[in-house]
Amino acid sequence: YQLDSKKVTNFNIERIARYVANNELTFQGWPNCQARSATHYIERVEE
């Protein structure tokens, strides 16, 4: 998130209203759920 112009990666429930999400990870949508791109999404989220 961005918090007061600084990047933060830890989540603080007391500051959530001030967080601006960076949404920085991008993936190409997959044609079906068995596609390699869908598996890559799951593997990256797991990591």
ModelCIF file with pLDDT and N, C-alpha, C, O atoms, coordinates in Angstrom:
data_MODEL
#
_entry.id   MODEL 
#
_entity.id                         1 
_entity.type                       polymer 
_entity.pdbx_number_of_molecules   1 
#
_entity_poly.entity_id                      1 
_entity_poly.type                           'polypeptide(L)' 
_entity_poly.nstd_linkage                   no 
_entity_poly.nstd_monomer                   no 
_entity_poly.pdbx_seq_one_letter_code       YQLDSKKVTNFNIERIARYVANNELTFQGWPNCQARSATHYIERVEE 
_entity_poly.pdbx_seq_one_letter_code_can   YQLDSKKVTNFNIERIARYVANNELTFQGWPNCQARSATHYIERVEE 
_entity_poly.pdbx_strand_id                 A 
#
loop_
_entity_poly_seq.entity_id 
_entity_poly_seq.num 
_entity_poly_seq.mon_id 
_entity_poly_seq.hetero 
1 1  TYR n 
1 2  GLN n 
1 3  LEU n 
1 4  ASP n 
1 5  SER n 
1 6  LYS n 
1 7  LYS n 
1 8  VAL n 
1 9  THR n 
1 10 ASN n 
1 11 PHE n 
1 12 ASN n 
1 13 ILE n 
1 14 GLU n 
1 15 ARG n 
1 16 ILE n 
1 17 ALA n 
1 18 ARG n 
1 19 TYR n 
1 20 VAL n 
1 21 ALA n 
1 22 ASN n 
1 23 ASN n 
1 24 GLU n 
1 25 LEU n 
1 26 THR n 
1 27 PHE n 
1 28 GLN n 
1 29 GLY n 
1 30 TRP n 
1 31 PRO n 
1 32 ASN n 
1 33 CYS n 
1 34 GLN n 
1 35 ALA n 
1 36 ARG n 
1 37 SER n 
1 38 ALA n 
1 39 THR n 
1 40 HIS n 
1 41 TYR n 
1 42 ILE n 
1 43 GLU n 
1 44 ARG n 
1 45 VAL n 
1 46 GLU n 
1 47 GLU n 
#
_struct_asym.id          A 
_struct_asym.entity_id   1 
#
loop_
_ma_qa_metric.id 
_ma_qa_metric.mode 
_ma_qa_metric.name 
_ma_qa_metric.software_group_id 
_ma_qa_metric.type 
1 global pLDDT . pLDDT 
2 local  pLDDT . pLDDT 
#
_ma_qa_metric_global.metric_id      1 
_ma_qa_metric_global.metric_value   95.23 
_ma_qa_metric_global.model_id       1 
_ma_qa_metric_global.ordinal_id     1 
#
loop_
_ma_qa_metric_local.label_asym_id 
_ma_qa_metric_local.label_comp_id 
_ma_qa_metric_local.label_seq_id 
_ma_qa_metric_local.metric_id 
_ma_qa_metric_local.metric_value 
_ma_qa_metric_local.model_id 
_ma_qa_metric_local.ordinal_id 
A TYR 1  2 98.00 1 1  
A GLN 2  2 97.00 1 2  
A LEU 3  2 96.00 1 3  
A ASP 4  2 93.00 1 4  
A SER 5  2 91.00 1 5  
A LYS 6  2 95.00 1 6  
A LYS 7  2 97.00 1 7  
A VAL 8  2 96.00 1 8  
A THR 9  2 94.00 1 9  
A ASN 10 2 92.00 1 10 
A PHE 11 2 96.00 1 11 
A ASN 12 2 96.00 1 12 
A ILE 13 2 95.00 1 13 
A GLU 14 2 95.00 1 14 
A ARG 15 2 96.00 1 15 
A ILE 16 2 97.00 1 16 
A ALA 17 2 96.00 1 17 
A ARG 18 2 97.00 1 18 
A TYR 19 2 97.00 1 19 
A VAL 20 2 97.00 1 20 
A ALA 21 2 97.00 1 21 
A ASN 22 2 97.00 1 22 
A ASN 23 2 97.00 1 23 
A GLU 24 2 96.00 1 24 
A LEU 25 2 97.00 1 25 
A THR 26 2 96.00 1 26 
A PHE 27 2 96.00 1 27 
A GLN 28 2 92.00 1 28 
A GLY 29 2 90.00 1 29 
A TRP 30 2 92.00 1 30 
A PRO 31 2 92.00 1 31 
A ASN 32 2 93.00 1 32 
A CYS 33 2 93.00 1 33 
A GLN 34 2 93.00 1 34 
A ALA 35 2 91.00 1 35 
A ARG 36 2 93.00 1 36 
A SER 37 2 93.00 1 37 
A ALA 38 2 95.00 1 38 
A THR 39 2 95.00 1 39 
A HIS 40 2 95.00 1 40 
A TYR 41 2 97.00 1 41 
A ILE 42 2 97.00 1 42 
A GLU 43 2 97.00 1 43 
A ARG 44 2 97.00 1 44 
A VAL 45 2 98.00 1 45 
A GLU 46 2 98.00 1 46 
A GLU 47 2 98.00 1 47 
#
loop_
_atom_site.group_PDB 
_atom_site.id 
_atom_site.type_symbol 
_atom_site.label_atom_id 
_atom_site.label_alt_id 
_atom_site.label_comp_id 
_atom_site.label_asym_id 
_atom_site.label_entity_id 
_atom_site.label_seq_id 
_atom_site.pdbx_PDB_ins_code 
_atom_site.Cartn_x 
_atom_site.Cartn_y 
_atom_site.Cartn_z 
_atom_site.occupancy 
_atom_site.B_iso_or_equiv 
_atom_site.pdbx_formal_charge 
_atom_site.auth_seq_id 
_atom_site.auth_comp_id 
_atom_site.auth_asym_id 
_atom_site.auth_atom_id 
_atom_site.pdbx_PDB_model_num 
ATOM 1   N N  . TYR A 1 1  ? 0.835   -1.196  0.000   1.00 98.00 ? 1  TYR A N  1 
ATOM 2   C CA . TYR A 1 1  ? 0.000   0.000   0.000   1.00 98.00 ? 1  TYR A CA 1 
ATOM 3   C C  . TYR A 1 1  ? 0.875   1.254   0.000   1.00 98.00 ? 1  TYR A C  1 
ATOM 4   O O  . TYR A 1 1  ? 2.070   1.209   0.294   1.00 98.00 ? 1  TYR A O  1 
ATOM 5   N N  . GLN A 1 2  ? 0.241   2.364   -0.338  1.00 97.00 ? 2  GLN A N  1 
ATOM 6   C CA . GLN A 1 2  ? 0.824   3.674   -0.085  1.00 97.00 ? 2  GLN A CA 1 
ATOM 7   C C  . GLN A 1 2  ? 0.177   4.226   1.179   1.00 97.00 ? 2  GLN A C  1 
ATOM 8   O O  . GLN A 1 2  ? -1.047  4.234   1.307   1.00 97.00 ? 2  GLN A O  1 
ATOM 9   N N  . LEU A 1 3  ? 0.999   4.682   2.103   1.00 96.00 ? 3  LEU A N  1 
ATOM 10  C CA . LEU A 1 3  ? 0.517   5.289   3.341   1.00 96.00 ? 3  LEU A CA 1 
ATOM 11  C C  . LEU A 1 3  ? 1.347   6.537   3.599   1.00 96.00 ? 3  LEU A C  1 
ATOM 12  O O  . LEU A 1 3  ? 2.543   6.456   3.882   1.00 96.00 ? 3  LEU A O  1 
ATOM 13  N N  . ASP A 1 4  ? 0.699   7.695   3.499   1.00 93.00 ? 4  ASP A N  1 
ATOM 14  C CA . ASP A 1 4  ? 1.399   8.975   3.684   1.00 93.00 ? 4  ASP A CA 1 
ATOM 15  C C  . ASP A 1 4  ? 2.633   9.050   2.780   1.00 93.00 ? 4  ASP A C  1 
ATOM 16  O O  . ASP A 1 4  ? 3.723   9.410   3.222   1.00 93.00 ? 4  ASP A O  1 
ATOM 17  N N  . SER A 1 5  ? 2.435   8.700   1.500   1.00 91.00 ? 5  SER A N  1 
ATOM 18  C CA . SER A 1 5  ? 3.481   8.770   0.464   1.00 91.00 ? 5  SER A CA 1 
ATOM 19  C C  . SER A 1 5  ? 4.607   7.759   0.665   1.00 91.00 ? 5  SER A C  1 
ATOM 20  O O  . SER A 1 5  ? 5.650   7.871   0.020   1.00 91.00 ? 5  SER A O  1 
ATOM 21  N N  . LYS A 1 6  ? 4.422   6.780   1.541   1.00 95.00 ? 6  LYS A N  1 
ATOM 22  C CA . LYS A 1 6  ? 5.413   5.736   1.752   1.00 95.00 ? 6  LYS A CA 1 
ATOM 23  C C  . LYS A 1 6  ? 4.812   4.377   1.406   1.00 95.00 ? 6  LYS A C  1 
ATOM 24  O O  . LYS A 1 6  ? 3.624   4.136   1.620   1.00 95.00 ? 6  LYS A O  1 
ATOM 25  N N  . LYS A 1 7  ? 5.653   3.495   0.868   1.00 97.00 ? 7  LYS A N  1 
ATOM 26  C CA . LYS A 1 7  ? 5.214   2.139   0.547   1.00 97.00 ? 7  LYS A CA 1 
ATOM 27  C C  . LYS A 1 7  ? 5.299   1.263   1.788   1.00 97.00 ? 7  LYS A C  1 
ATOM 28  O O  . LYS A 1 7  ? 6.335   1.223   2.451   1.00 97.00 ? 7  LYS A O  1 
ATOM 29  N N  . VAL A 1 8  ? 4.212   0.559   2.104   1.00 96.00 ? 8  VAL A N  1 
ATOM 30  C CA . VAL A 1 8  ? 4.201   -0.360  3.242   1.00 96.00 ? 8  VAL A CA 1 
ATOM 31  C C  . VAL A 1 8  ? 3.692   -1.720  2.778   1.00 96.00 ? 8  VAL A C  1 
ATOM 32  O O  . VAL A 1 8  ? 2.789   -1.804  1.945   1.00 96.00 ? 8  VAL A O  1 
ATOM 33  N N  . THR A 1 9  ? 4.272   -2.772  3.318   1.00 94.00 ? 9  THR A N  1 
ATOM 34  C CA . THR A 1 9  ? 3.858   -4.133  2.957   1.00 94.00 ? 9  THR A CA 1 
ATOM 35  C C  . THR A 1 9  ? 3.149   -4.848  4.092   1.00 94.00 ? 9  THR A C  1 
ATOM 36  O O  . THR A 1 9  ? 2.458   -5.842  3.865   1.00 94.00 ? 9  THR A O  1 
ATOM 37  N N  . ASN A 1 10 ? 3.313   -4.349  5.320   1.00 92.00 ? 10 ASN A N  1 
ATOM 38  C CA . ASN A 1 10 ? 2.628   -4.945  6.462   1.00 92.00 ? 10 ASN A CA 1 
ATOM 39  C C  . ASN A 1 10 ? 1.220   -4.385  6.582   1.00 92.00 ? 10 ASN A C  1 
ATOM 40  O O  . ASN A 1 10 ? 0.964   -3.231  6.240   1.00 92.00 ? 10 ASN A O  1 
ATOM 41  N N  . PHE A 1 11 ? 0.318   -5.212  7.068   1.00 96.00 ? 11 PHE A N  1 
ATOM 42  C CA . PHE A 1 11 ? -1.079  -4.804  7.224   1.00 96.00 ? 11 PHE A CA 1 
ATOM 43  C C  . PHE A 1 11 ? -1.336  -4.426  8.675   1.00 96.00 ? 11 PHE A C  1 
ATOM 44  O O  . PHE A 1 11 ? -1.034  -5.192  9.590   1.00 96.00 ? 11 PHE A O  1 
ATOM 45  N N  . ASN A 1 12 ? -1.894  -3.244  8.877   1.00 96.00 ? 12 ASN A N  1 
ATOM 46  C CA . ASN A 1 12 ? -2.259  -2.769  10.210  1.00 96.00 ? 12 ASN A CA 1 
ATOM 47  C C  . ASN A 1 12 ? -3.739  -2.418  10.187  1.00 96.00 ? 12 ASN A C  1 
ATOM 48  O O  . ASN A 1 12 ? -4.147  -1.489  9.489   1.00 96.00 ? 12 ASN A O  1 
ATOM 49  N N  . ILE A 1 13 ? -4.545  -3.153  10.943  1.00 95.00 ? 13 ILE A N  1 
ATOM 50  C CA . ILE A 1 13 ? -5.991  -2.968  10.900  1.00 95.00 ? 13 ILE A CA 1 
ATOM 51  C C  . ILE A 1 13 ? -6.398  -1.555  11.310  1.00 95.00 ? 13 ILE A C  1 
ATOM 52  O O  . ILE A 1 13 ? -7.450  -1.068  10.897  1.00 95.00 ? 13 ILE A O  1 
ATOM 53  N N  . GLU A 1 14 ? -5.577  -0.903  12.114  1.00 95.00 ? 14 GLU A N  1 
ATOM 54  C CA . GLU A 1 14 ? -5.909  0.444   12.581  1.00 95.00 ? 14 GLU A CA 1 
ATOM 55  C C  . GLU A 1 14 ? -5.626  1.510   11.527  1.00 95.00 ? 14 GLU A C  1 
ATOM 56  O O  . GLU A 1 14 ? -6.076  2.648   11.656  1.00 95.00 ? 14 GLU A O  1 
ATOM 57  N N  . ARG A 1 15 ? -4.881  1.144   10.488  1.00 96.00 ? 15 ARG A N  1 
ATOM 58  C CA . ARG A 1 15 ? -4.539  2.108   9.441   1.00 96.00 ? 15 ARG A CA 1 
ATOM 59  C C  . ARG A 1 15 ? -5.237  1.832   8.123   1.00 96.00 ? 15 ARG A C  1 
ATOM 60  O O  . ARG A 1 15 ? -5.036  2.562   7.152   1.00 96.00 ? 15 ARG A O  1 
ATOM 61  N N  . ILE A 1 16 ? -6.049  0.797   8.075   1.00 97.00 ? 16 ILE A N  1 
ATOM 62  C CA . ILE A 1 16 ? -6.603  0.336   6.800   1.00 97.00 ? 16 ILE A CA 1 
ATOM 63  C C  . ILE A 1 16 ? -7.361  1.430   6.050   1.00 97.00 ? 16 ILE A C  1 
ATOM 64  O O  . ILE A 1 16 ? -7.326  1.465   4.821   1.00 97.00 ? 16 ILE A O  1 
ATOM 65  N N  . ALA A 1 17 ? -8.040  2.315   6.763   1.00 96.00 ? 17 ALA A N  1 
ATOM 66  C CA . ALA A 1 17 ? -8.815  3.369   6.093   1.00 96.00 ? 17 ALA A CA 1 
ATOM 67  C C  . ALA A 1 17 ? -7.918  4.354   5.348   1.00 96.00 ? 17 ALA A C  1 
ATOM 68  O O  . ALA A 1 17 ? -8.393  5.085   4.479   1.00 96.00 ? 17 ALA A O  1 
ATOM 69  N N  . ARG A 1 18 ? -6.626  4.381   5.679   1.00 97.00 ? 18 ARG A N  1 
ATOM 70  C CA . ARG A 1 18 ? -5.694  5.317   5.043   1.00 97.00 ? 18 ARG A CA 1 
ATOM 71  C C  . ARG A 1 18 ? -4.857  4.651   3.952   1.00 97.00 ? 18 ARG A C  1 
ATOM 72  O O  . ARG A 1 18 ? -4.088  5.320   3.263   1.00 97.00 ? 18 ARG A O  1 
ATOM 73  N N  . TYR A 1 19 ? -5.005  3.337   3.795   1.00 97.00 ? 19 TYR A N  1 
ATOM 74  C CA . TYR A 1 19 ? -4.221  2.634   2.791   1.00 97.00 ? 19 TYR A CA 1 
ATOM 75  C C  . TYR A 1 19 ? -4.739  2.914   1.377   1.00 97.00 ? 19 TYR A C  1 
ATOM 76  O O  . TYR A 1 19 ? -5.946  2.976   1.141   1.00 97.00 ? 19 TYR A O  1 
ATOM 77  N N  . VAL A 1 20 ? -3.800  3.080   0.447   1.00 97.00 ? 20 VAL A N  1 
ATOM 78  C CA . VAL A 1 20 ? -4.118  3.125   -0.979  1.00 97.00 ? 20 VAL A CA 1 
ATOM 79  C C  . VAL A 1 20 ? -3.409  1.938   -1.617  1.00 97.00 ? 20 VAL A C  1 
ATOM 80  O O  . VAL A 1 20 ? -2.181  1.858   -1.594  1.00 97.00 ? 20 VAL A O  1 
ATOM 81  N N  . ALA A 1 21 ? -4.172  1.028   -2.180  1.00 97.00 ? 21 ALA A N  1 
ATOM 82  C CA . ALA A 1 21 ? -3.589  -0.198  -2.733  1.00 97.00 ? 21 ALA A CA 1 
ATOM 83  C C  . ALA A 1 21 ? -2.764  0.095   -3.978  1.00 97.00 ? 21 ALA A C  1 
ATOM 84  O O  . ALA A 1 21 ? -3.161  0.903   -4.817  1.00 97.00 ? 21 ALA A O  1 
ATOM 85  N N  . ASN A 1 22 ? -1.607  -0.569  -4.095  1.00 97.00 ? 22 ASN A N  1 
ATOM 86  C CA . ASN A 1 22 ? -0.760  -0.414  -5.283  1.00 97.00 ? 22 ASN A CA 1 
ATOM 87  C C  . ASN A 1 22 ? -1.178  -1.337  -6.425  1.00 97.00 ? 22 ASN A C  1 
ATOM 88  O O  . ASN A 1 22 ? -0.951  -1.022  -7.593  1.00 97.00 ? 22 ASN A O  1 
ATOM 89  N N  . ASN A 1 23 ? -1.794  -2.488  -6.089  1.00 97.00 ? 23 ASN A N  1 
ATOM 90  C CA . ASN A 1 23 ? -2.237  -3.451  -7.116  1.00 97.00 ? 23 ASN A CA 1 
ATOM 91  C C  . ASN A 1 23 ? -1.139  -3.683  -8.154  1.00 97.00 ? 23 ASN A C  1 
ATOM 92  O O  . ASN A 1 23 ? -1.396  -3.668  -9.357  1.00 97.00 ? 23 ASN A O  1 
ATOM 93  N N  . GLU A 1 24 ? 0.089   -3.898  -7.671  1.00 96.00 ? 24 GLU A N  1 
ATOM 94  C CA . GLU A 1 24 ? 1.255   -3.858  -8.557  1.00 96.00 ? 24 GLU A CA 1 
ATOM 95  C C  . GLU A 1 24 ? 1.528   -5.141  -9.322  1.00 96.00 ? 24 GLU A C  1 
ATOM 96  O O  . GLU A 1 24 ? 2.258   -5.115  -10.313 1.00 96.00 ? 24 GLU A O  1 
ATOM 97  N N  . LEU A 1 25 ? 0.962   -6.267  -8.889  1.00 97.00 ? 25 LEU A N  1 
ATOM 98  C CA . LEU A 1 25 ? 1.204   -7.527  -9.590  1.00 97.00 ? 25 LEU A CA 1 
ATOM 99  C C  . LEU A 1 25 ? 0.160   -7.707  -10.690 1.00 97.00 ? 25 LEU A C  1 
ATOM 100 O O  . LEU A 1 25 ? -1.040  -7.601  -10.439 1.00 97.00 ? 25 LEU A O  1 
ATOM 101 N N  . THR A 1 26 ? 0.618   -7.975  -11.894 1.00 96.00 ? 26 THR A N  1 
ATOM 102 C CA . THR A 1 26 ? -0.309  -8.126  -13.015 1.00 96.00 ? 26 THR A CA 1 
ATOM 103 C C  . THR A 1 26 ? -0.144  -9.498  -13.660 1.00 96.00 ? 26 THR A C  1 
ATOM 104 O O  . THR A 1 26 ? 0.963   -10.026 -13.769 1.00 96.00 ? 26 THR A O  1 
ATOM 105 N N  . PHE A 1 27 ? -1.263  -10.055 -14.079 1.00 96.00 ? 27 PHE A N  1 
ATOM 106 C CA . PHE A 1 27 ? -1.298  -11.353 -14.747 1.00 96.00 ? 27 PHE A CA 1 
ATOM 107 C C  . PHE A 1 27 ? -2.240  -11.238 -15.941 1.00 96.00 ? 27 PHE A C  1 
ATOM 108 O O  . PHE A 1 27 ? -3.229  -10.507 -15.891 1.00 96.00 ? 27 PHE A O  1 
ATOM 109 N N  . GLN A 1 28 ? -1.936  -11.945 -16.987 1.00 92.00 ? 28 GLN A N  1 
ATOM 110 C CA . GLN A 1 28 ? -2.848  -12.011 -18.116 1.00 92.00 ? 28 GLN A CA 1 
ATOM 111 C C  . GLN A 1 28 ? -3.950  -13.008 -17.776 1.00 92.00 ? 28 GLN A C  1 
ATOM 112 O O  . GLN A 1 28 ? -3.675  -14.136 -17.368 1.00 92.00 ? 28 GLN A O  1 
ATOM 113 N N  . GLY A 1 29 ? -5.205  -12.580 -17.949 1.00 90.00 ? 29 GLY A N  1 
ATOM 114 C CA . GLY A 1 29 ? -6.323  -13.490 -17.694 1.00 90.00 ? 29 GLY A CA 1 
ATOM 115 C C  . GLY A 1 29 ? -6.167  -14.771 -18.502 1.00 90.00 ? 29 GLY A C  1 
ATOM 116 O O  . GLY A 1 29 ? -5.597  -14.755 -19.593 1.00 90.00 ? 29 GLY A O  1 
ATOM 117 N N  . TRP A 1 30 ? -6.676  -15.891 -17.963 1.00 92.00 ? 30 TRP A N  1 
ATOM 118 C CA . TRP A 1 30 ? -6.441  -17.192 -18.575 1.00 92.00 ? 30 TRP A CA 1 
ATOM 119 C C  . TRP A 1 30 ? -7.663  -17.663 -19.363 1.00 92.00 ? 30 TRP A C  1 
ATOM 120 O O  . TRP A 1 30 ? -8.796  -17.332 -19.013 1.00 92.00 ? 30 TRP A O  1 
ATOM 121 N N  . PRO A 1 31 ? -7.432  -18.440 -20.432 1.00 92.00 ? 31 PRO A N  1 
ATOM 122 C CA . PRO A 1 31 ? -8.557  -18.924 -21.244 1.00 92.00 ? 31 PRO A CA 1 
ATOM 123 C C  . PRO A 1 31 ? -9.418  -19.954 -20.519 1.00 92.00 ? 31 PRO A C  1 
ATOM 124 O O  . PRO A 1 31 ? -10.621 -20.049 -20.762 1.00 92.00 ? 31 PRO A O  1 
ATOM 125 N N  . ASN A 1 32 ? -8.789  -20.734 -19.616 1.00 93.00 ? 32 ASN A N  1 
ATOM 126 C CA . ASN A 1 32 ? -9.519  -21.714 -18.806 1.00 93.00 ? 32 ASN A CA 1 
ATOM 127 C C  . ASN A 1 32 ? -8.699  -21.998 -17.554 1.00 93.00 ? 32 ASN A C  1 
ATOM 128 O O  . ASN A 1 32 ? -7.528  -21.626 -17.473 1.00 93.00 ? 32 ASN A O  1 
ATOM 129 N N  . CYS A 1 33 ? -9.311  -22.650 -16.590 1.00 93.00 ? 33 CYS A N  1 
ATOM 130 C CA . CYS A 1 33 ? -8.672  -22.829 -15.276 1.00 93.00 ? 33 CYS A CA 1 
ATOM 131 C C  . CYS A 1 33 ? -7.571  -23.885 -15.279 1.00 93.00 ? 33 CYS A C  1 
ATOM 132 O O  . CYS A 1 33 ? -6.860  -24.035 -14.285 1.00 93.00 ? 33 CYS A O  1 
ATOM 133 N N  . GLN A 1 34 ? -7.419  -24.618 -16.378 1.00 93.00 ? 34 GLN A N  1 
ATOM 134 C CA . GLN A 1 34 ? -6.335  -25.593 -16.474 1.00 93.00 ? 34 GLN A CA 1 
ATOM 135 C C  . GLN A 1 34 ? -5.111  -25.003 -17.169 1.00 93.00 ? 34 GLN A C  1 
ATOM 136 O O  . GLN A 1 34 ? -4.069  -25.653 -17.250 1.00 93.00 ? 34 GLN A O  1 
ATOM 137 N N  . ALA A 1 35 ? -5.231  -23.789 -17.664 1.00 91.00 ? 35 ALA A N  1 
ATOM 138 C CA . ALA A 1 35 ? -4.151  -23.166 -18.424 1.00 91.00 ? 35 ALA A CA 1 
ATOM 139 C C  . ALA A 1 35 ? -2.932  -22.911 -17.542 1.00 91.00 ? 35 ALA A C  1 
ATOM 140 O O  . ALA A 1 35 ? -3.046  -22.731 -16.330 1.00 91.00 ? 35 ALA A O  1 
ATOM 141 N N  . ARG A 1 36 ? -1.757  -22.902 -18.184 1.00 93.00 ? 36 ARG A N  1 
ATOM 142 C CA . ARG A 1 36 ? -0.520  -22.658 -17.454 1.00 93.00 ? 36 ARG A CA 1 
ATOM 143 C C  . ARG A 1 36 ? -0.540  -21.294 -16.773 1.00 93.00 ? 36 ARG A C  1 
ATOM 144 O O  . ARG A 1 36 ? -0.002  -21.141 -15.677 1.00 93.00 ? 36 ARG A O  1 
ATOM 145 N N  . SER A 1 37 ? -1.155  -20.306 -17.411 1.00 93.00 ? 37 SER A N  1 
ATOM 146 C CA . SER A 1 37 ? -1.225  -18.960 -16.831 1.00 93.00 ? 37 SER A CA 1 
ATOM 147 C C  . SER A 1 37 ? -2.035  -18.948 -15.535 1.00 93.00 ? 37 SER A C  1 
ATOM 148 O O  . SER A 1 37 ? -1.715  -18.189 -14.619 1.00 93.00 ? 37 SER A O  1 
ATOM 149 N N  . ALA A 1 38 ? -3.076  -19.775 -15.444 1.00 95.00 ? 38 ALA A N  1 
ATOM 150 C CA . ALA A 1 38 ? -3.866  -19.878 -14.213 1.00 95.00 ? 38 ALA A CA 1 
ATOM 151 C C  . ALA A 1 38 ? -3.036  -20.541 -13.112 1.00 95.00 ? 38 ALA A C  1 
ATOM 152 O O  . ALA A 1 38 ? -3.081  -20.127 -11.953 1.00 95.00 ? 38 ALA A O  1 
ATOM 153 N N  . THR A 1 39 ? -2.283  -21.570 -13.486 1.00 95.00 ? 39 THR A N  1 
ATOM 154 C CA . THR A 1 39 ? -1.414  -22.244 -12.510 1.00 95.00 ? 39 THR A CA 1 
ATOM 155 C C  . THR A 1 39 ? -0.339  -21.292 -12.008 1.00 95.00 ? 39 THR A C  1 
ATOM 156 O O  . THR A 1 39 ? -0.019  -21.283 -10.820 1.00 95.00 ? 39 THR A O  1 
ATOM 157 N N  . HIS A 1 40 ? 0.220   -20.492 -12.909 1.00 95.00 ? 40 HIS A N  1 
ATOM 158 C CA . HIS A 1 40 ? 1.243   -19.514 -12.516 1.00 95.00 ? 40 HIS A CA 1 
ATOM 159 C C  . HIS A 1 40 ? 0.684   -18.528 -11.495 1.00 95.00 ? 40 HIS A C  1 
ATOM 160 O O  . HIS A 1 40 ? 1.366   -18.175 -10.533 1.00 95.00 ? 40 HIS A O  1 
ATOM 161 N N  . TYR A 1 41 ? -0.552  -18.085 -11.700 1.00 97.00 ? 41 TYR A N  1 
ATOM 162 C CA . TYR A 1 41 ? -1.206  -17.169 -10.758 1.00 97.00 ? 41 TYR A CA 1 
ATOM 163 C C  . TYR A 1 41 ? -1.265  -17.796 -9.360  1.00 97.00 ? 41 TYR A C  1 
ATOM 164 O O  . TYR A 1 41 ? -0.908  -17.153 -8.373  1.00 97.00 ? 41 TYR A O  1 
ATOM 165 N N  . ILE A 1 42 ? -1.718  -19.055 -9.282  1.00 97.00 ? 42 ILE A N  1 
ATOM 166 C CA . ILE A 1 42 ? -1.830  -19.747 -8.001  1.00 97.00 ? 42 ILE A CA 1 
ATOM 167 C C  . ILE A 1 42 ? -0.454  -19.907 -7.356  1.00 97.00 ? 42 ILE A C  1 
ATOM 168 O O  . ILE A 1 42 ? -0.301  -19.679 -6.156  1.00 97.00 ? 42 ILE A O  1 
ATOM 169 N N  . GLU A 1 43 ? 0.533   -20.292 -8.136  1.00 97.00 ? 43 GLU A N  1 
ATOM 170 C CA . GLU A 1 43 ? 1.879   -20.493 -7.599  1.00 97.00 ? 43 GLU A CA 1 
ATOM 171 C C  . GLU A 1 43 ? 2.472   -19.200 -7.062  1.00 97.00 ? 43 GLU A C  1 
ATOM 172 O O  . GLU A 1 43 ? 3.129   -19.203 -6.021  1.00 97.00 ? 43 GLU A O  1 
ATOM 173 N N  . ARG A 1 44 ? 2.244   -18.089 -7.768  1.00 97.00 ? 44 ARG A N  1 
ATOM 174 C CA . ARG A 1 44 ? 2.789   -16.797 -7.323  1.00 97.00 ? 44 ARG A CA 1 
ATOM 175 C C  . ARG A 1 44 ? 2.087   -16.323 -6.055  1.00 97.00 ? 44 ARG A C  1 
ATOM 176 O O  . ARG A 1 44 ? 2.737   -15.814 -5.142  1.00 97.00 ? 44 ARG A O  1 
ATOM 177 N N  . VAL A 1 45 ? 0.772   -16.486 -5.992  1.00 98.00 ? 45 VAL A N  1 
ATOM 178 C CA . VAL A 1 45 ? 0.026   -16.104 -4.782  1.00 98.00 ? 45 VAL A CA 1 
ATOM 179 C C  . VAL A 1 45 ? 0.494   -16.948 -3.601  1.00 98.00 ? 45 VAL A C  1 
ATOM 180 O O  . VAL A 1 45 ? 0.693   -16.427 -2.504  1.00 98.00 ? 45 VAL A O  1 
ATOM 181 N N  . GLU A 1 46 ? 0.666   -18.235 -3.818  1.00 98.00 ? 46 GLU A N  1 
ATOM 182 C CA . GLU A 1 46 ? 1.141   -19.135 -2.758  1.00 98.00 ? 46 GLU A CA 1 
ATOM 183 C C  . GLU A 1 46 ? 2.510   -18.695 -2.249  1.00 98.00 ? 46 GLU A C  1 
ATOM 184 O O  . GLU A 1 46 ? 2.750   -18.671 -1.042  1.00 98.00 ? 46 GLU A O  1 
ATOM 185 N N  . GLU A 1 47 ? 3.399   -18.350 -3.165  1.00 98.00 ? 47 GLU A N  1 
ATOM 186 C CA . GLU A 1 47 ? 4.751   -17.918 -2.790  1.00 98.00 ? 47 GLU A CA 1 
ATOM 187 C C  . GLU A 1 47 ? 4.698   -16.671 -1.911  1.00 98.00 ? 47 GLU A C  1 
ATOM 188 O O  . GLU A 1 47 ? 5.741   -16.163 -1.498  1.00 98.00 ? 47 GLU A O  1 
#
